[in-house]
N, C-alpha and C. Protein backbone atom coordinates (compact mmCIF):
# COMPACT_ATOMS: atom_id res chain seq x y z
N MET A 1 3.81 39.81 15.33
CA MET A 1 2.57 39.08 15.25
C MET A 1 2.03 38.87 16.67
N GLU A 2 0.74 39.04 16.83
CA GLU A 2 0.12 38.89 18.13
C GLU A 2 -0.23 37.43 18.41
N PHE A 3 -0.21 37.08 19.68
CA PHE A 3 -0.60 35.73 20.08
C PHE A 3 -2.09 35.57 19.84
N LYS A 4 -2.50 34.45 19.26
CA LYS A 4 -3.90 34.21 18.95
C LYS A 4 -4.38 32.97 19.70
N LYS A 5 -5.54 33.09 20.34
CA LYS A 5 -6.14 31.94 21.01
C LYS A 5 -6.99 31.19 20.00
N TYR A 6 -6.79 29.89 19.94
CA TYR A 6 -7.54 29.04 19.02
C TYR A 6 -8.53 28.19 19.79
N ARG A 7 -9.67 27.93 19.19
CA ARG A 7 -10.62 26.97 19.72
C ARG A 7 -10.21 25.59 19.21
N ALA A 8 -10.56 24.56 19.95
CA ALA A 8 -10.13 23.20 19.61
C ALA A 8 -11.07 22.57 18.58
N THR A 9 -11.13 23.14 17.39
CA THR A 9 -11.93 22.56 16.32
C THR A 9 -11.06 21.59 15.52
N ARG A 10 -11.68 20.76 14.69
CA ARG A 10 -10.92 19.82 13.87
C ARG A 10 -9.94 20.56 12.95
N LYS A 11 -10.39 21.68 12.40
CA LYS A 11 -9.54 22.46 11.51
C LYS A 11 -8.30 22.96 12.24
N ASN A 12 -8.48 23.51 13.44
CA ASN A 12 -7.36 24.05 14.20
C ASN A 12 -6.42 22.96 14.70
N VAL A 13 -6.97 21.80 15.04
CA VAL A 13 -6.12 20.69 15.44
C VAL A 13 -5.27 20.23 14.26
N GLY A 14 -5.85 20.24 13.05
CA GLY A 14 -5.09 19.92 11.85
C GLY A 14 -3.99 20.92 11.58
N ILE A 15 -4.28 22.20 11.81
CA ILE A 15 -3.27 23.24 11.65
C ILE A 15 -2.15 23.05 12.66
N LEU A 16 -2.51 22.69 13.90
CA LEU A 16 -1.50 22.43 14.93
C LEU A 16 -0.59 21.28 14.51
N ARG A 17 -1.18 20.21 13.96
CA ARG A 17 -0.38 19.05 13.52
C ARG A 17 0.58 19.47 12.40
N LYS A 18 0.10 20.28 11.45
CA LYS A 18 0.97 20.75 10.36
C LYS A 18 2.09 21.63 10.90
N ALA A 19 1.76 22.50 11.86
CA ALA A 19 2.77 23.39 12.44
C ALA A 19 3.86 22.58 13.14
N LEU A 20 3.45 21.58 13.91
CA LEU A 20 4.43 20.75 14.60
C LEU A 20 5.32 20.01 13.61
N ASN A 21 4.72 19.51 12.52
CA ASN A 21 5.51 18.82 11.49
C ASN A 21 6.53 19.75 10.86
N GLU A 22 6.11 20.95 10.51
CA GLU A 22 7.02 21.90 9.86
C GLU A 22 8.13 22.37 10.79
N LEU A 23 7.86 22.37 12.09
CA LEU A 23 8.88 22.77 13.05
C LEU A 23 9.77 21.60 13.48
N GLY A 24 9.49 20.42 12.94
CA GLY A 24 10.35 19.27 13.23
C GLY A 24 9.95 18.45 14.44
N HIS A 25 8.78 18.71 15.02
CA HIS A 25 8.30 17.94 16.17
C HIS A 25 7.42 16.80 15.65
N THR A 26 8.03 15.73 15.17
CA THR A 26 7.26 14.67 14.52
C THR A 26 7.06 13.44 15.39
N THR A 27 7.74 13.35 16.53
CA THR A 27 7.56 12.20 17.41
C THR A 27 7.29 12.67 18.83
N TYR A 28 6.68 11.80 19.60
CA TYR A 28 6.49 12.09 21.01
C TYR A 28 6.78 10.82 21.79
N GLU A 29 7.13 10.98 23.05
CA GLU A 29 7.45 9.85 23.90
C GLU A 29 6.26 9.55 24.80
N ASP A 30 5.83 8.30 24.78
CA ASP A 30 4.68 7.86 25.55
C ASP A 30 5.16 7.22 26.85
N TYR A 31 4.85 7.85 27.97
CA TYR A 31 5.26 7.35 29.27
C TYR A 31 4.15 6.55 29.94
N SER A 32 3.03 6.35 29.25
CA SER A 32 1.88 5.71 29.89
C SER A 32 2.04 4.19 30.06
N LEU A 33 2.92 3.58 29.28
CA LEU A 33 3.14 2.14 29.41
C LEU A 33 4.13 1.86 30.52
N ASP A 34 3.99 0.71 31.13
CA ASP A 34 4.87 0.34 32.24
C ASP A 34 6.15 -0.30 31.70
N LEU A 35 6.97 0.52 31.04
CA LEU A 35 8.23 0.06 30.47
C LEU A 35 9.37 0.88 31.05
N PRO A 36 10.59 0.32 31.06
CA PRO A 36 11.71 1.09 31.63
C PRO A 36 12.03 2.36 30.84
N TYR A 37 11.73 2.36 29.54
CA TYR A 37 11.99 3.53 28.70
C TYR A 37 10.70 3.90 27.97
N PRO A 38 10.50 5.19 27.71
CA PRO A 38 9.28 5.58 26.98
C PRO A 38 9.33 5.10 25.53
N THR A 39 8.16 4.83 24.97
CA THR A 39 8.09 4.43 23.57
C THR A 39 7.87 5.67 22.72
N LYS A 40 8.49 5.70 21.54
CA LYS A 40 8.35 6.85 20.64
C LYS A 40 7.29 6.55 19.59
N HIS A 41 6.46 7.54 19.32
CA HIS A 41 5.40 7.41 18.33
C HIS A 41 5.43 8.60 17.38
N ASN A 42 4.96 8.38 16.17
CA ASN A 42 4.86 9.44 15.18
C ASN A 42 3.54 10.17 15.40
N ILE A 43 3.57 11.50 15.44
CA ILE A 43 2.34 12.25 15.70
C ILE A 43 1.36 12.17 14.55
N ASN A 44 1.83 11.84 13.35
CA ASN A 44 0.94 11.76 12.19
C ASN A 44 0.07 10.51 12.21
N SER A 45 0.48 9.49 12.96
CA SER A 45 -0.30 8.25 13.00
C SER A 45 -1.29 8.23 14.17
N MET A 46 -1.33 9.29 14.95
CA MET A 46 -2.24 9.34 16.09
C MET A 46 -3.66 9.67 15.65
N GLN A 47 -4.63 9.14 16.37
CA GLN A 47 -6.01 9.52 16.13
C GLN A 47 -6.20 10.97 16.55
N LEU A 48 -7.13 11.64 15.91
CA LEU A 48 -7.34 13.07 16.12
C LEU A 48 -7.61 13.42 17.59
N GLU A 49 -8.49 12.67 18.23
CA GLU A 49 -8.84 12.98 19.63
C GLU A 49 -7.66 12.80 20.56
N HIS A 50 -6.90 11.73 20.35
CA HIS A 50 -5.72 11.49 21.18
C HIS A 50 -4.67 12.58 20.95
N PHE A 51 -4.48 12.95 19.70
CA PHE A 51 -3.54 14.02 19.37
C PHE A 51 -3.95 15.32 20.06
N GLN A 52 -5.23 15.63 20.00
CA GLN A 52 -5.72 16.87 20.61
C GLN A 52 -5.45 16.87 22.12
N HIS A 53 -5.71 15.75 22.80
CA HIS A 53 -5.48 15.69 24.24
C HIS A 53 -4.01 15.81 24.60
N GLU A 54 -3.15 15.24 23.78
CA GLU A 54 -1.72 15.24 24.07
C GLU A 54 -1.04 16.57 23.75
N PHE A 55 -1.47 17.24 22.68
CA PHE A 55 -0.69 18.36 22.15
C PHE A 55 -1.38 19.71 22.14
N TRP A 56 -2.64 19.79 22.57
CA TRP A 56 -3.33 21.07 22.46
C TRP A 56 -2.63 22.14 23.31
N SER A 57 -2.04 21.78 24.42
CA SER A 57 -1.35 22.77 25.26
C SER A 57 -0.11 23.34 24.55
N ASP A 58 0.44 22.63 23.57
CA ASP A 58 1.59 23.14 22.81
C ASP A 58 1.23 24.38 22.01
N MET A 59 -0.06 24.58 21.77
CA MET A 59 -0.52 25.75 21.02
C MET A 59 -0.14 27.05 21.75
N TYR A 60 0.07 26.97 23.06
CA TYR A 60 0.42 28.16 23.83
C TYR A 60 1.90 28.52 23.74
N ASN A 61 2.68 27.71 23.06
CA ASN A 61 4.07 28.04 22.79
C ASN A 61 4.08 29.10 21.68
N ASN A 62 4.78 30.19 21.89
CA ASN A 62 4.77 31.30 20.92
C ASN A 62 5.21 30.87 19.53
N GLU A 63 6.28 30.08 19.43
CA GLU A 63 6.79 29.66 18.13
C GLU A 63 5.73 28.84 17.37
N ILE A 64 5.09 27.92 18.06
CA ILE A 64 4.07 27.08 17.44
C ILE A 64 2.84 27.91 17.08
N ASN A 65 2.46 28.83 17.97
CA ASN A 65 1.30 29.68 17.71
C ASN A 65 1.52 30.55 16.48
N TYR A 66 2.68 31.12 16.34
CA TYR A 66 2.97 31.96 15.17
C TYR A 66 2.98 31.13 13.88
N LYS A 67 3.50 29.90 13.97
CA LYS A 67 3.49 29.02 12.80
C LYS A 67 2.06 28.66 12.41
N MET A 68 1.21 28.44 13.40
CA MET A 68 -0.20 28.15 13.13
C MET A 68 -0.87 29.32 12.42
N GLN A 69 -0.53 30.54 12.84
CA GLN A 69 -1.10 31.73 12.20
C GLN A 69 -0.65 31.84 10.75
N GLU A 70 0.62 31.52 10.48
CA GLU A 70 1.12 31.55 9.11
C GLU A 70 0.40 30.52 8.24
N LEU A 71 0.23 29.32 8.77
CA LEU A 71 -0.45 28.26 8.03
C LEU A 71 -1.92 28.60 7.80
N GLU A 72 -2.53 29.25 8.77
CA GLU A 72 -3.94 29.63 8.64
C GLU A 72 -4.13 30.66 7.52
N LYS A 73 -3.17 31.56 7.36
CA LYS A 73 -3.24 32.55 6.29
C LYS A 73 -3.15 31.89 4.92
N ASP A 74 -2.40 30.79 4.82
CA ASP A 74 -2.21 30.10 3.55
C ASP A 74 -3.45 29.32 3.12
N LEU A 75 -4.35 29.05 4.06
CA LEU A 75 -5.56 28.27 3.71
C LEU A 75 -6.54 29.06 2.89
């Protein structure tokens, strides 16, 4: 399967969220707060814009990109 570049549309951000869920990446660590340890958050509870800013670069990971392509075919 070839690597595919995606535009940051709402549909593609939703596909990225589904791909991350299916691959088991359901939490992220937030280092933005001034705490000794990062806080963990569920990616499904994030607002769309915040999710896009945090995770859009993950689309360039081959495993995630291929999963997005599989999910896109199922739509």
